[in-house]
Amino acid sequence: GSELRPLKVMSSVSTACMLHGASSRPATARKSSGLSGTVRI
């Protein structure tokens, strides 16, 4: 049960980063969100 929580947090955080980044920089945010997002998490 506790194993599912981190996954939900990860997805929600990455989604929030994608949405927040997409609103400011659509093209750049997509690339950086995938790379930096994976490294940070």
N, C-alpha and C. Protein backbone atom coordinates (compact mmCIF):
# COMPACT_ATOMS: atom_id res chain seq x y z
N GLY A 1 0.81 -1.21 0.00
CA GLY A 1 0.00 0.00 0.00
C GLY A 1 0.84 1.25 0.00
N SER A 2 1.90 1.25 0.81
CA SER A 2 2.76 2.44 0.90
C SER A 2 3.57 2.63 -0.37
N GLU A 3 3.69 1.57 -1.18
CA GLU A 3 4.48 1.67 -2.41
C GLU A 3 3.77 2.50 -3.48
N LEU A 4 2.44 2.58 -3.38
CA LEU A 4 1.69 3.32 -4.39
C LEU A 4 1.74 4.82 -4.14
N ARG A 5 1.96 5.23 -2.92
CA ARG A 5 1.95 6.65 -2.59
C ARG A 5 3.05 7.43 -3.32
N PRO A 6 4.31 7.00 -3.26
CA PRO A 6 5.38 7.74 -3.96
C PRO A 6 5.09 7.90 -5.44
N LEU A 7 4.50 6.87 -6.06
CA LEU A 7 4.18 6.95 -7.48
C LEU A 7 3.17 8.05 -7.74
N LYS A 8 2.16 8.13 -6.89
CA LYS A 8 1.14 9.17 -7.06
C LYS A 8 1.76 10.55 -6.89
N VAL A 9 2.63 10.69 -5.89
CA VAL A 9 3.29 11.97 -5.66
C VAL A 9 4.16 12.34 -6.85
N MET A 10 4.91 11.36 -7.36
CA MET A 10 5.77 11.59 -8.52
C MET A 10 4.96 12.10 -9.70
N SER A 11 3.88 11.38 -10.01
CA SER A 11 3.06 11.74 -11.17
C SER A 11 2.43 13.11 -11.00
N SER A 12 1.95 13.39 -9.80
CA SER A 12 1.31 14.69 -9.55
C SER A 12 2.32 15.82 -9.64
N VAL A 13 3.52 15.58 -9.11
CA VAL A 13 4.56 16.61 -9.16
C VAL A 13 5.01 16.85 -10.60
N SER A 14 5.25 15.77 -11.33
CA SER A 14 5.68 15.91 -12.72
C SER A 14 4.61 16.57 -13.57
N THR A 15 3.35 16.22 -13.29
CA THR A 15 2.24 16.83 -14.02
C THR A 15 2.16 18.32 -13.72
N ALA A 16 2.33 18.67 -12.46
CA ALA A 16 2.29 20.08 -12.07
C ALA A 16 3.43 20.85 -12.74
N CYS A 17 4.60 20.24 -12.78
CA CYS A 17 5.74 20.88 -13.43
C CYS A 17 5.48 21.07 -14.91
N MET A 18 4.91 20.05 -15.54
CA MET A 18 4.61 20.13 -16.97
C MET A 18 3.62 21.25 -17.25
N LEU A 19 2.54 21.29 -16.46
CA LEU A 19 1.51 22.31 -16.67
C LEU A 19 2.07 23.70 -16.40
N HIS A 20 2.81 23.84 -15.31
CA HIS A 20 3.37 25.14 -14.95
C HIS A 20 4.40 25.58 -15.99
N GLY A 21 5.23 24.65 -16.42
CA GLY A 21 6.26 24.98 -17.41
C GLY A 21 5.66 25.25 -18.78
N ALA A 22 4.63 24.50 -19.14
CA ALA A 22 4.00 24.65 -20.45
C ALA A 22 3.37 26.03 -20.59
N SER A 23 2.86 26.57 -19.49
CA SER A 23 2.20 27.87 -19.54
C SER A 23 3.22 28.99 -19.78
N SER A 24 4.44 28.80 -19.26
CA SER A 24 5.46 29.83 -19.40
C SER A 24 6.31 29.61 -20.65
N ARG A 25 6.80 28.36 -20.82
CA ARG A 25 7.62 28.06 -22.00
C ARG A 25 7.20 26.71 -22.58
N PRO A 26 6.34 26.70 -23.57
CA PRO A 26 5.82 25.45 -24.14
C PRO A 26 6.92 24.54 -24.69
N ALA A 27 7.73 25.04 -25.61
CA ALA A 27 8.71 24.19 -26.28
C ALA A 27 9.83 23.76 -25.33
N THR A 28 10.40 24.73 -24.61
CA THR A 28 11.53 24.43 -23.72
C THR A 28 11.09 23.61 -22.52
N ALA A 29 9.93 23.92 -22.00
CA ALA A 29 9.45 23.24 -20.80
C ALA A 29 9.30 21.74 -21.05
N ARG A 30 8.85 21.38 -22.22
CA ARG A 30 8.65 19.96 -22.53
C ARG A 30 9.96 19.20 -22.44
N LYS A 31 11.01 19.75 -23.03
CA LYS A 31 12.31 19.06 -23.01
C LYS A 31 12.89 19.03 -21.60
N SER A 32 12.94 20.19 -20.94
CA SER A 32 13.57 20.28 -19.63
C SER A 32 12.78 19.51 -18.57
N SER A 33 11.45 19.55 -18.67
CA SER A 33 10.62 18.88 -17.67
C SER A 33 10.89 17.37 -17.68
N GLY A 34 11.16 16.82 -18.85
CA GLY A 34 11.44 15.39 -18.95
C GLY A 34 12.80 15.05 -18.37
N LEU A 35 13.81 15.88 -18.66
CA LEU A 35 15.16 15.60 -18.19
C LEU A 35 15.34 16.00 -16.73
N SER A 36 15.17 17.27 -16.43
CA SER A 36 15.39 17.76 -15.07
C SER A 36 14.40 17.13 -14.10
N GLY A 37 13.16 16.94 -14.57
CA GLY A 37 12.14 16.34 -13.71
C GLY A 37 12.55 14.94 -13.28
N THR A 38 13.10 14.15 -14.22
CA THR A 38 13.50 12.79 -13.89
C THR A 38 14.70 12.80 -12.94
N VAL A 39 15.62 13.72 -13.16
CA VAL A 39 16.82 13.79 -12.32
C VAL A 39 16.45 14.21 -10.91
N ARG A 40 15.59 15.22 -10.80
CA ARG A 40 15.20 15.71 -9.47
C ARG A 40 14.47 14.65 -8.69
N ILE A 41 13.52 14.00 -9.33
CA ILE A 41 12.72 12.98 -8.64
C ILE A 41 13.59 11.73 -8.45
